[in-house]
Amino acid sequence: MALCACSDSAPKPDERLVAAYVEMRVAEQTYGGESSESRTARRDILKKYGYTREDFIKACDKVLDDEKRWISFQVAVSDRIDSLLGIEKPKPAKKDKK
């Protein structure tokens, strides 16, 4: 029964995939989509995180095919980008005790 209760929660995103994905997007924004610099940067990023091109695509497809996984992945991507930009996470609002 405990397993059923946990099964509806969003799976924790793969931090290695999040980091690789963010760096791939940065490379694309920096060098464009099809330049030789962009291709070199993508190849280096995949190597850095231990992915082949095919493995990276499969991992991204797995995330894209599952709404809960996609949402938690995008939250992790946003958090990583914010941390790279030095943006602090907002603190939760304090609840008034009545």
PDB file of N, CA and C in Angstrom:
ATOM      1  N   MET A   1       0.818  -1.183   0.000  1.00  0.00           N
ATOM      2  CA  MET A   1       0.000   0.000   0.000  1.00  0.00           C
ATOM      3  C   MET A   1       0.870   1.257   0.000  1.00  0.00           C
ATOM      4  N   ALA A   2       1.980   1.218   0.691  1.00  0.00           N
ATOM      5  CA  ALA A   2       2.874   2.373   0.719  1.00  0.00           C
ATOM      6  C   ALA A   2       3.429   2.655  -0.668  1.00  0.00           C
ATOM      7  N   LEU A   3       3.666   1.623  -1.449  1.00  0.00           N
ATOM      8  CA  LEU A   3       4.169   1.829  -2.802  1.00  0.00           C
ATOM      9  C   LEU A   3       3.141   2.532  -3.671  1.00  0.00           C
ATOM     10  N   CYS A   4       1.897   2.213  -3.498  1.00  0.00           N
ATOM     11  CA  CYS A   4       0.844   2.859  -4.283  1.00  0.00           C
ATOM     12  C   CYS A   4       0.736   4.341  -3.948  1.00  0.00           C
ATOM     13  N   ALA A   5       0.922   4.676  -2.706  1.00  0.00           N
ATOM     14  CA  ALA A   5       0.813   6.074  -2.292  1.00  0.00           C
ATOM     15  C   ALA A   5       1.918   6.912  -2.903  1.00  0.00           C
ATOM     16  N   CYS A   6       3.075   6.322  -3.106  1.00  0.00           N
ATOM     17  CA  CYS A   6       4.211   7.073  -3.642  1.00  0.00           C
ATOM     18  C   CYS A   6       4.223   7.102  -5.163  1.00  0.00           C
ATOM     19  N   SER A   7       3.497   6.219  -5.808  1.00  0.00           N
ATOM     20  CA  SER A   7       3.588   6.093  -7.252  1.00  0.00           C
ATOM     21  C   SER A   7       3.032   7.301  -8.000  1.00  0.00           C
ATOM     22  N   ASP A   8       2.175   8.094  -7.378  1.00  0.00           N
ATOM     23  CA  ASP A   8       1.610   9.254  -8.049  1.00  0.00           C
ATOM     24  C   ASP A   8       2.521  10.476  -7.989  1.00  0.00           C
ATOM     25  N   SER A   9       3.561  10.423  -7.180  1.00  0.00           N
ATOM     26  CA  SER A   9       4.447  11.577  -7.081  1.00  0.00           C
ATOM     27  C   SER A   9       5.361  11.634  -8.306  1.00  0.00           C
ATOM     28  N   ALA A  10       5.785  12.832  -8.635  1.00  0.00           N
ATOM     29  CA  ALA A  10       6.657  13.025  -9.788  1.00  0.00           C
ATOM     30  C   ALA A  10       8.018  12.388  -9.519  1.00  0.00           C
ATOM     31  N   PRO A  11       8.550  11.678 -10.500  1.00  0.00           N
ATOM     32  CA  PRO A  11       9.865  11.077 -10.310  1.00  0.00           C
ATOM     33  C   PRO A  11      10.942  12.150 -10.219  1.00  0.00           C
ATOM     34  N   LYS A  12      11.953  11.871  -9.446  1.00  0.00           N
ATOM     35  CA  LYS A  12      13.060  12.817  -9.301  1.00  0.00           C
ATOM     36  C   LYS A  12      13.835  12.859 -10.620  1.00  0.00           C
ATOM     37  N   PRO A  13      14.082  14.055 -11.142  1.00  0.00           N
ATOM     38  CA  PRO A  13      14.794  14.151 -12.425  1.00  0.00           C
ATOM     39  C   PRO A  13      16.254  13.718 -12.290  1.00  0.00           C
ATOM     40  N   ASP A  14      16.774  13.188 -13.366  1.00  0.00           N
ATOM     41  CA  ASP A  14      18.177  12.780 -13.452  1.00  0.00           C
ATOM     42  C   ASP A  14      19.028  14.047 -13.551  1.00  0.00           C
ATOM     43  N   GLU A  15      19.779  14.335 -12.501  1.00  0.00           N
ATOM     44  CA  GLU A  15      20.558  15.582 -12.456  1.00  0.00           C
ATOM     45  C   GLU A  15      21.630  15.636 -13.545  1.00  0.00           C
ATOM     46  N   ARG A  16      22.162  14.479 -13.928  1.00  0.00           N
ATOM     47  CA  ARG A  16      23.154  14.444 -15.014  1.00  0.00           C
ATOM     48  C   ARG A  16      22.492  14.878 -16.319  1.00  0.00           C
ATOM     49  N   LEU A  17      21.274  14.386 -16.569  1.00  0.00           N
ATOM     50  CA  LEU A  17      20.552  14.776 -17.777  1.00  0.00           C
ATOM     51  C   LEU A  17      20.190  16.250 -17.734  1.00  0.00           C
ATOM     52  N   VAL A  18      19.770  16.734 -16.584  1.00  0.00           N
ATOM     53  CA  VAL A  18      19.430  18.157 -16.431  1.00  0.00           C
ATOM     54  C   VAL A  18      20.646  19.018 -16.768  1.00  0.00           C
ATOM     55  N   ALA A  19      21.795  18.682 -16.204  1.00  0.00           N
ATOM     56  CA  ALA A  19      23.009  19.467 -16.439  1.00  0.00           C
ATOM     57  C   ALA A  19      23.409  19.434 -17.914  1.00  0.00           C
ATOM     58  N   ALA A  20      23.362  18.248 -18.517  1.00  0.00           N
ATOM     59  CA  ALA A  20      23.714  18.127 -19.931  1.00  0.00           C
ATOM     60  C   ALA A  20      22.736  18.909 -20.803  1.00  0.00           C
ATOM     61  N   TYR A  21      21.454  18.812 -20.499  1.00  0.00           N
ATOM     62  CA  TYR A  21      20.426  19.502 -21.263  1.00  0.00           C
ATOM     63  C   TYR A  21      20.625  21.017 -21.205  1.00  0.00           C
ATOM     64  N   VAL A  22      20.883  21.528 -20.011  1.00  0.00           N
ATOM     65  CA  VAL A  22      21.096  22.971 -19.855  1.00  0.00           C
ATOM     66  C   VAL A  22      22.324  23.409 -20.654  1.00  0.00           C
ATOM     67  N   GLU A  23      23.405  22.661 -20.546  1.00  0.00           N
ATOM     68  CA  GLU A  23      24.614  23.038 -21.298  1.00  0.00           C
ATOM     69  C   GLU A  23      24.386  22.950 -22.798  1.00  0.00           C
ATOM     70  N   MET A  24      23.603  21.968 -23.242  1.00  0.00           N
ATOM     71  CA  MET A  24      23.301  21.864 -24.673  1.00  0.00           C
ATOM     72  C   MET A  24      22.515  23.088 -25.145  1.00  0.00           C
ATOM     73  N   ARG A  25      21.558  23.537 -24.342  1.00  0.00           N
ATOM     74  CA  ARG A  25      20.772  24.721 -24.715  1.00  0.00           C
ATOM     75  C   ARG A  25      21.638  25.978 -24.720  1.00  0.00           C
ATOM     76  N   VAL A  26      22.548  26.080 -23.761  1.00  0.00           N
ATOM     77  CA  VAL A  26      23.461  27.230 -23.720  1.00  0.00           C
ATOM     78  C   VAL A  26      24.341  27.228 -24.971  1.00  0.00           C
ATOM     79  N   ALA A  27      24.864  26.075 -25.328  1.00  0.00           N
ATOM     80  CA  ALA A  27      25.701  25.973 -26.533  1.00  0.00           C
ATOM     81  C   ALA A  27      24.915  26.369 -27.776  1.00  0.00           C
ATOM     82  N   GLU A  28      23.678  25.923 -27.850  1.00  0.00           N
ATOM     83  CA  GLU A  28      22.838  26.263 -28.992  1.00  0.00           C
ATOM     84  C   GLU A  28      22.581  27.767 -29.069  1.00  0.00           C
ATOM     85  N   GLN A  29      22.330  28.388 -27.918  1.00  0.00           N
ATOM     86  CA  GLN A  29      22.110  29.834 -27.891  1.00  0.00           C
ATOM     87  C   GLN A  29      23.388  30.609 -28.186  1.00  0.00           C
ATOM     88  N   THR A  30      24.498  30.068 -27.760  1.00  0.00           N
ATOM     89  CA  THR A  30      25.783  30.752 -27.953  1.00  0.00           C
ATOM     90  C   THR A  30      26.284  30.651 -29.386  1.00  0.00           C
ATOM     91  N   TYR A  31      26.223  29.459 -29.967  1.00  0.00           N
ATOM     92  CA  TYR A  31      26.837  29.203 -31.272  1.00  0.00           C
ATOM     93  C   TYR A  31      25.845  29.036 -32.413  1.00  0.00           C
ATOM     94  N   GLY A  32      24.553  28.985 -32.108  1.00  0.00           N
ATOM     95  CA  GLY A  32      23.571  28.702 -33.144  1.00  0.00           C
ATOM     96  C   GLY A  32      23.369  27.199 -33.249  1.00  0.00           C
ATOM     97  N   GLY A  33      22.421  26.803 -34.058  1.00  0.00           N
ATOM     98  CA  GLY A  33      22.068  25.394 -34.129  1.00  0.00           C
ATOM     99  C   GLY A  33      22.954  24.526 -34.990  1.00  0.00           C
ATOM    100  N   GLU A  34      23.502  25.069 -36.059  1.00  0.00           N
ATOM    101  CA  GLU A  34      24.189  24.224 -37.034  1.00  0.00           C
ATOM    102  C   GLU A  34      25.639  24.619 -37.320  1.00  0.00           C
ATOM    103  N   SER A  35      26.190  25.520 -36.561  1.00  0.00           N
ATOM    104  CA  SER A  35      27.580  25.914 -36.816  1.00  0.00           C
ATOM    105  C   SER A  35      28.529  24.810 -36.382  1.00  0.00           C
ATOM    106  N   SER A  36      29.747  24.849 -36.903  1.00  0.00           N
ATOM    107  CA  SER A  36      30.739  23.846 -36.505  1.00  0.00           C
ATOM    108  C   SER A  36      31.086  23.984 -35.022  1.00  0.00           C
ATOM    109  N   GLU A  37      31.068  25.219 -34.503  1.00  0.00           N
ATOM    110  CA  GLU A  37      31.324  25.436 -33.080  1.00  0.00           C
ATOM    111  C   GLU A  37      30.237  24.788 -32.235  1.00  0.00           C
ATOM    112  N   SER A  38      28.994  24.888 -32.692  1.00  0.00           N
ATOM    113  CA  SER A  38      27.881  24.290 -31.973  1.00  0.00           C
ATOM    114  C   SER A  38      27.999  22.766 -31.965  1.00  0.00           C
ATOM    115  N   ARG A  39      28.335  22.186 -33.101  1.00  0.00           N
ATOM    116  CA  ARG A  39      28.494  20.733 -33.171  1.00  0.00           C
ATOM    117  C   ARG A  39      29.625  20.263 -32.268  1.00  0.00           C
ATOM    118  N   THR A  40      30.727  21.002 -32.254  1.00  0.00           N
ATOM    119  CA  THR A  40      31.851  20.647 -31.386  1.00  0.00           C
ATOM    120  C   THR A  40      31.460  20.768 -29.920  1.00  0.00           C
ATOM    121  N   ALA A  41      30.757  21.841 -29.581  1.00  0.00           N
ATOM    122  CA  ALA A  41      30.333  22.036 -28.193  1.00  0.00           C
ATOM    123  C   ALA A  41      29.383  20.925 -27.763  1.00  0.00           C
ATOM    124  N   ARG A  42      28.426  20.571 -28.609  1.00  0.00           N
ATOM    125  CA  ARG A  42      27.488  19.485 -28.273  1.00  0.00           C
ATOM    126  C   ARG A  42      28.218  18.166 -28.060  1.00  0.00           C
ATOM    127  N   ARG A  43      29.166  17.867 -28.943  1.00  0.00           N
ATOM    128  CA  ARG A  43      29.941  16.630 -28.813  1.00  0.00           C
ATOM    129  C   ARG A  43      30.704  16.611 -27.494  1.00  0.00           C
ATOM    130  N   ASP A  44      31.319  17.746 -27.141  1.00  0.00           N
ATOM    131  CA  ASP A  44      32.077  17.835 -25.893  1.00  0.00           C
ATOM    132  C   ASP A  44      31.173  17.713 -24.664  1.00  0.00           C
ATOM    133  N   ILE A  45      29.990  18.293 -24.731  1.00  0.00           N
ATOM    134  CA  ILE A  45      29.043  18.209 -23.617  1.00  0.00           C
ATOM    135  C   ILE A  45      28.589  16.766 -23.416  1.00  0.00           C
ATOM    136  N   LEU A  46      28.249  16.090 -24.507  1.00  0.00           N
ATOM    137  CA  LEU A  46      27.834  14.691 -24.402  1.00  0.00           C
ATOM    138  C   LEU A  46      28.944  13.841 -23.792  1.00  0.00           C
ATOM    139  N   LYS A  47      30.163  14.074 -24.230  1.00  0.00           N
ATOM    140  CA  LYS A  47      31.310  13.330 -23.691  1.00  0.00           C
ATOM    141  C   LYS A  47      31.495  13.637 -22.201  1.00  0.00           C
ATOM    142  N   LYS A  48      31.394  14.900 -21.836  1.00  0.00           N
ATOM    143  CA  LYS A  48      31.555  15.325 -20.442  1.00  0.00           C
ATOM    144  C   LYS A  48      30.589  14.590 -19.517  1.00  0.00           C
ATOM    145  N   TYR A  49      29.345  14.401 -19.966  1.00  0.00           N
ATOM    146  CA  TYR A  49      28.324  13.777 -19.135  1.00  0.00           C
ATOM    147  C   TYR A  49      28.139  12.284 -19.415  1.00  0.00           C
ATOM    148  N   GLY A  50      28.976  11.728 -20.274  1.00  0.00           N
ATOM    149  CA  GLY A  50      28.950  10.287 -20.509  1.00  0.00           C
ATOM    150  C   GLY A  50      27.806   9.792 -21.369  1.00  0.00           C
ATOM    151  N   TYR A  51      27.343  10.625 -22.278  1.00  0.00           N
ATOM    152  CA  TYR A  51      26.262  10.241 -23.187  1.00  0.00           C
ATOM    153  C   TYR A  51      26.798  10.056 -24.595  1.00  0.00           C
ATOM    154  N   THR A  52      26.204   9.098 -25.310  1.00  0.00           N
ATOM    155  CA  THR A  52      26.335   9.108 -26.759  1.00  0.00           C
ATOM    156  C   THR A  52      25.179   9.970 -27.256  1.00  0.00           C
ATOM    157  N   ARG A  53      25.220  10.350 -28.495  1.00  0.00           N
ATOM    158  CA  ARG A  53      24.126  11.142 -29.060  1.00  0.00           C
ATOM    159  C   ARG A  53      22.809  10.383 -28.927  1.00  0.00           C
ATOM    160  N   GLU A  54      22.854   9.093 -29.249  1.00  0.00           N
ATOM    161  CA  GLU A  54      21.657   8.262 -29.198  1.00  0.00           C
ATOM    162  C   GLU A  54      21.132   8.114 -27.766  1.00  0.00           C
ATOM    163  N   ASP A  55      22.037   7.924 -26.800  1.00  0.00           N
ATOM    164  CA  ASP A  55      21.618   7.794 -25.398  1.00  0.00           C
ATOM    165  C   ASP A  55      20.971   9.084 -24.888  1.00  0.00           C
ATOM    166  N   PHE A  56      21.527  10.221 -25.277  1.00  0.00           N
ATOM    167  CA  PHE A  56      20.977  11.507 -24.858  1.00  0.00           C
ATOM    168  C   PHE A  56      19.576  11.697 -25.429  1.00  0.00           C
ATOM    169  N   ILE A  57      19.413  11.377 -26.695  1.00  0.00           N
ATOM    170  CA  ILE A  57      18.096  11.499 -27.333  1.00  0.00           C
ATOM    171  C   ILE A  57      17.090  10.574 -26.664  1.00  0.00           C
ATOM    172  N   LYS A  58      17.487   9.342 -26.374  1.00  0.00           N
ATOM    173  CA  LYS A  58      16.587   8.391 -25.695  1.00  0.00           C
ATOM    174  C   LYS A  58      16.196   8.908 -24.315  1.00  0.00           C
ATOM    175  N   ALA A  59      17.162   9.447 -23.577  1.00  0.00           N
ATOM    176  CA  ALA A  59      16.873   9.972 -22.236  1.00  0.00           C
ATOM    177  C   ALA A  59      15.906  11.157 -22.321  1.00  0.00           C
ATOM    178  N   CYS A  60      16.113  12.033 -23.291  1.00  0.00           N
ATOM    179  CA  CYS A  60      15.201  13.172 -23.474  1.00  0.00           C
ATOM    180  C   CYS A  60      13.816  12.695 -23.897  1.00  0.00           C
ATOM    181  N   ASP A  61      13.755  11.707 -24.790  1.00  0.00           N
ATOM    182  CA  ASP A  61      12.461  11.170 -25.225  1.00  0.00           C
ATOM    183  C   ASP A  61      11.704  10.542 -24.058  1.00  0.00           C
ATOM    184  N   LYS A  62      12.421   9.859 -23.182  1.00  0.00           N
ATOM    185  CA  LYS A  62      11.793   9.245 -22.012  1.00  0.00           C
ATOM    186  C   LYS A  62      11.125  10.311 -21.141  1.00  0.00           C
ATOM    187  N   VAL A  63      11.805  11.438 -20.986  1.00  0.00           N
ATOM    188  CA  VAL A  63      11.250  12.550 -20.202  1.00  0.00           C
ATOM    189  C   VAL A  63      10.051  13.159 -20.933  1.00  0.00           C
ATOM    190  N   LEU A  64      10.181  13.365 -22.221  1.00  0.00           N
ATOM    191  CA  LEU A  64       9.111  13.981 -23.007  1.00  0.00           C
ATOM    192  C   LEU A  64       7.843  13.135 -23.049  1.00  0.00           C
ATOM    193  N   ASP A  65       7.995  11.823 -22.957  1.00  0.00           N
ATOM    194  CA  ASP A  65       6.848  10.922 -23.072  1.00  0.00           C
ATOM    195  C   ASP A  65       6.055  10.749 -21.782  1.00  0.00           C
ATOM    196  N   ASP A  66       6.494  11.389 -20.712  1.00  0.00           N
ATOM    197  CA  ASP A  66       5.827  11.228 -19.418  1.00  0.00           C
ATOM    198  C   ASP A  66       5.589  12.609 -18.819  1.00  0.00           C
ATOM    199  N   GLU A  67       4.328  13.009 -18.733  1.00  0.00           N
ATOM    200  CA  GLU A  67       3.997  14.372 -18.289  1.00  0.00           C
ATOM    201  C   GLU A  67       4.577  14.689 -16.909  1.00  0.00           C
ATOM    202  N   LYS A  68       4.447  13.768 -15.957  1.00  0.00           N
ATOM    203  CA  LYS A  68       4.967  14.014 -14.610  1.00  0.00           C
ATOM    204  C   LYS A  68       6.486  14.151 -14.632  1.00  0.00           C
ATOM    205  N   ARG A  69       7.131  13.284 -15.404  1.00  0.00           N
ATOM    206  CA  ARG A  69       8.593  13.344 -15.516  1.00  0.00           C
ATOM    207  C   ARG A  69       9.010  14.660 -16.189  1.00  0.00           C
ATOM    208  N   TRP A  70       8.249  15.085 -17.207  1.00  0.00           N
ATOM    209  CA  TRP A  70       8.561  16.313 -17.935  1.00  0.00           C
ATOM    210  C   TRP A  70       8.460  17.531 -17.017  1.00  0.00           C
ATOM    211  N   ILE A  71       7.410  17.587 -16.218  1.00  0.00           N
ATOM    212  CA  ILE A  71       7.227  18.736 -15.328  1.00  0.00           C
ATOM    213  C   ILE A  71       8.362  18.816 -14.312  1.00  0.00           C
ATOM    214  N   SER A  72       8.692  17.695 -13.670  1.00  0.00           N
ATOM    215  CA  SER A  72       9.768  17.727 -12.678  1.00  0.00           C
ATOM    216  C   SER A  72      11.111  18.028 -13.344  1.00  0.00           C
ATOM    217  N   PHE A  73      11.299  17.557 -14.573  1.00  0.00           N
ATOM    218  CA  PHE A  73      12.520  17.842 -15.319  1.00  0.00           C
ATOM    219  C   PHE A  73      12.628  19.342 -15.609  1.00  0.00           C
ATOM    220  N   GLN A  74      11.538  19.951 -16.057  1.00  0.00           N
ATOM    221  CA  GLN A  74      11.559  21.375 -16.379  1.00  0.00           C
ATOM    222  C   GLN A  74      11.768  22.240 -15.136  1.00  0.00           C
ATOM    223  N   VAL A  75      11.217  21.817 -14.008  1.00  0.00           N
ATOM    224  CA  VAL A  75      11.464  22.537 -12.754  1.00  0.00           C
ATOM    225  C   VAL A  75      12.951  22.471 -12.420  1.00  0.00           C
ATOM    226  N   ALA A  76      13.552  21.288 -12.576  1.00  0.00           N
ATOM    227  CA  ALA A  76      14.984  21.132 -12.294  1.00  0.00           C
ATOM    228  C   ALA A  76      15.835  21.948 -13.264  1.00  0.00           C
ATOM    229  N   VAL A  77      15.434  21.992 -14.529  1.00  0.00           N
ATOM    230  CA  VAL A  77      16.154  22.799 -15.523  1.00  0.00           C
ATOM    231  C   VAL A  77      16.083  24.273 -15.139  1.00  0.00           C
ATOM    232  N   SER A  78      14.899  24.749 -14.787  1.00  0.00           N
ATOM    233  CA  SER A  78      14.740  26.156 -14.379  1.00  0.00           C
ATOM    234  C   SER A  78      15.569  26.473 -13.144  1.00  0.00           C
ATOM    235  N   ASP A  79      15.554  25.555 -12.175  1.00  0.00           N
ATOM    236  CA  ASP A  79      16.357  25.757 -10.962  1.00  0.00           C
ATOM    237  C   ASP A  79      17.841  25.825 -11.289  1.00  0.00           C
ATOM    238  N   ARG A  80      18.288  24.959 -12.195  1.00  0.00           N
ATOM    239  CA  ARG A  80      19.715  24.952 -12.562  1.00  0.00           C
ATOM    240  C   ARG A  80      20.095  26.245 -13.269  1.00  0.00           C
ATOM    241  N   ILE A  81      19.263  26.693 -14.176  1.00  0.00           N
ATOM    242  CA  ILE A  81      19.545  27.949 -14.885  1.00  0.00           C
ATOM    243  C   ILE A  81      19.581  29.108 -13.889  1.00  0.00           C
ATOM    244  N   ASP A  82      18.593  29.146 -12.997  1.00  0.00           N
ATOM    245  CA  ASP A  82      18.577  30.200 -11.976  1.00  0.00           C
ATOM    246  C   ASP A  82      19.841  30.168 -11.132  1.00  0.00           C
ATOM    247  N   SER A  83      20.296  28.970 -10.752  1.00  0.00           N
ATOM    248  CA  SER A  83      21.500  28.882  -9.921  1.00  0.00           C
ATOM    249  C   SER A  83      22.726  29.347 -10.699  1.00  0.00           C
ATOM    250  N   LEU A  84      22.778  29.047 -11.991  1.00  0.00           N
ATOM    251  CA  LEU A  84      23.905  29.507 -12.812  1.00  0.00           C
ATOM    252  C   LEU A  84      23.904  31.026 -12.959  1.00  0.00           C
ATOM    253  N   LEU A  85      22.702  31.603 -12.951  1.00  0.00           N
ATOM    254  CA  LEU A  85      22.572  33.059 -13.065  1.00  0.00           C
ATOM    255  C   LEU A  85      22.662  33.759 -11.713  1.00  0.00           C
ATOM    256  N   GLY A  86      22.746  32.974 -10.637  1.00  0.00           N
ATOM    257  CA  GLY A  86      22.840  33.550  -9.296  1.00  0.00           C
ATOM    258  C   GLY A  86      21.514  34.027  -8.747  1.00  0.00           C
ATOM    259  N   ILE A  87      20.424  33.497  -9.280  1.00  0.00           N
ATOM    260  CA  ILE A  87      19.093  33.876  -8.807  1.00  0.00           C
ATOM    261  C   ILE A  87      18.705  32.938  -7.671  1.00  0.00           C
ATOM    262  N   GLU A  88      18.414  33.510  -6.531  1.00  0.00           N
ATOM    263  CA  GLU A  88      18.035  32.698  -5.379  1.00  0.00           C
ATOM    264  C   GLU A  88      16.600  32.216  -5.521  1.00  0.00           C
ATOM    265  N   LYS A  89      16.353  31.020  -4.959  1.00  0.00           N
ATOM    266  CA  LYS A  89      14.992  30.499  -4.941  1.00  0.00           C
ATOM    267  C   LYS A  89      14.150  31.356  -4.010  1.00  0.00           C
ATOM    268  N   PRO A  90      12.920  31.637  -4.387  1.00  0.00           N
ATOM    269  CA  PRO A  90      12.062  32.394  -3.477  1.00  0.00           C
ATOM    270  C   PRO A  90      11.777  31.580  -2.225  1.00  0.00           C
ATOM    271  N   LYS A  91      11.731  32.273  -1.124  1.00  0.00           N
ATOM    272  CA  LYS A  91      11.435  31.604   0.142  1.00  0.00           C
ATOM    273  C   LYS A  91       9.924  31.464   0.267  1.00  0.00           C
ATOM    274  N   PRO A  92       9.481  30.333   0.806  1.00  0.00           N
ATOM    275  CA  PRO A  92       8.038  30.168   0.967  1.00  0.00           C
ATOM    276  C   PRO A  92       7.464  31.223   1.912  1.00  0.00           C
ATOM    277  N   ALA A  93       6.271  31.663   1.584  1.00  0.00           N
ATOM    278  CA  ALA A  93       5.608  32.663   2.424  1.00  0.00           C
ATOM    279  C   ALA A  93       5.292  32.064   3.774  1.00  0.00           C
ATOM    280  N   LYS A  94       5.432  32.887   4.822  1.00  0.00           N
ATOM    281  CA  LYS A  94       5.100  32.436   6.174  1.00  0.00           C
ATOM    282  C   LYS A  94       3.601  32.454   6.342  1.00  0.00           C
ATOM    283  N   LYS A  95       3.102  31.412   6.966  1.00  0.00           N
ATOM    284  CA  LYS A  95       1.670  31.336   7.229  1.00  0.00           C
ATOM    285  C   LYS A  95       1.368  31.996   8.563  1.00  0.00           C
ATOM    286  N   ASP A  96       0.317  32.788   8.553  1.00  0.00           N
ATOM    287  CA  ASP A  96      -0.112  33.423   9.804  1.00  0.00           C
ATOM    288  C   ASP A  96      -0.761  32.381  10.696  1.00  0.00           C
ATOM    289  N   LYS A  97      -0.383  32.408  11.963  1.00  0.00           N
ATOM    290  CA  LYS A  97      -1.020  31.510  12.922  1.00  0.00           C
ATOM    291  C   LYS A  97      -2.209  32.242  13.534  1.00  0.00           C
ATOM    292  N   LYS A  98      -3.339  31.621  13.439  1.00  0.00           N
ATOM    293  CA  LYS A  98      -4.564  32.248  13.957  1.00  0.00           C
ATOM    294  C   LYS A  98      -5.134  31.437  15.079  1.00  0.00           C
TER     295      LYS A  98
END
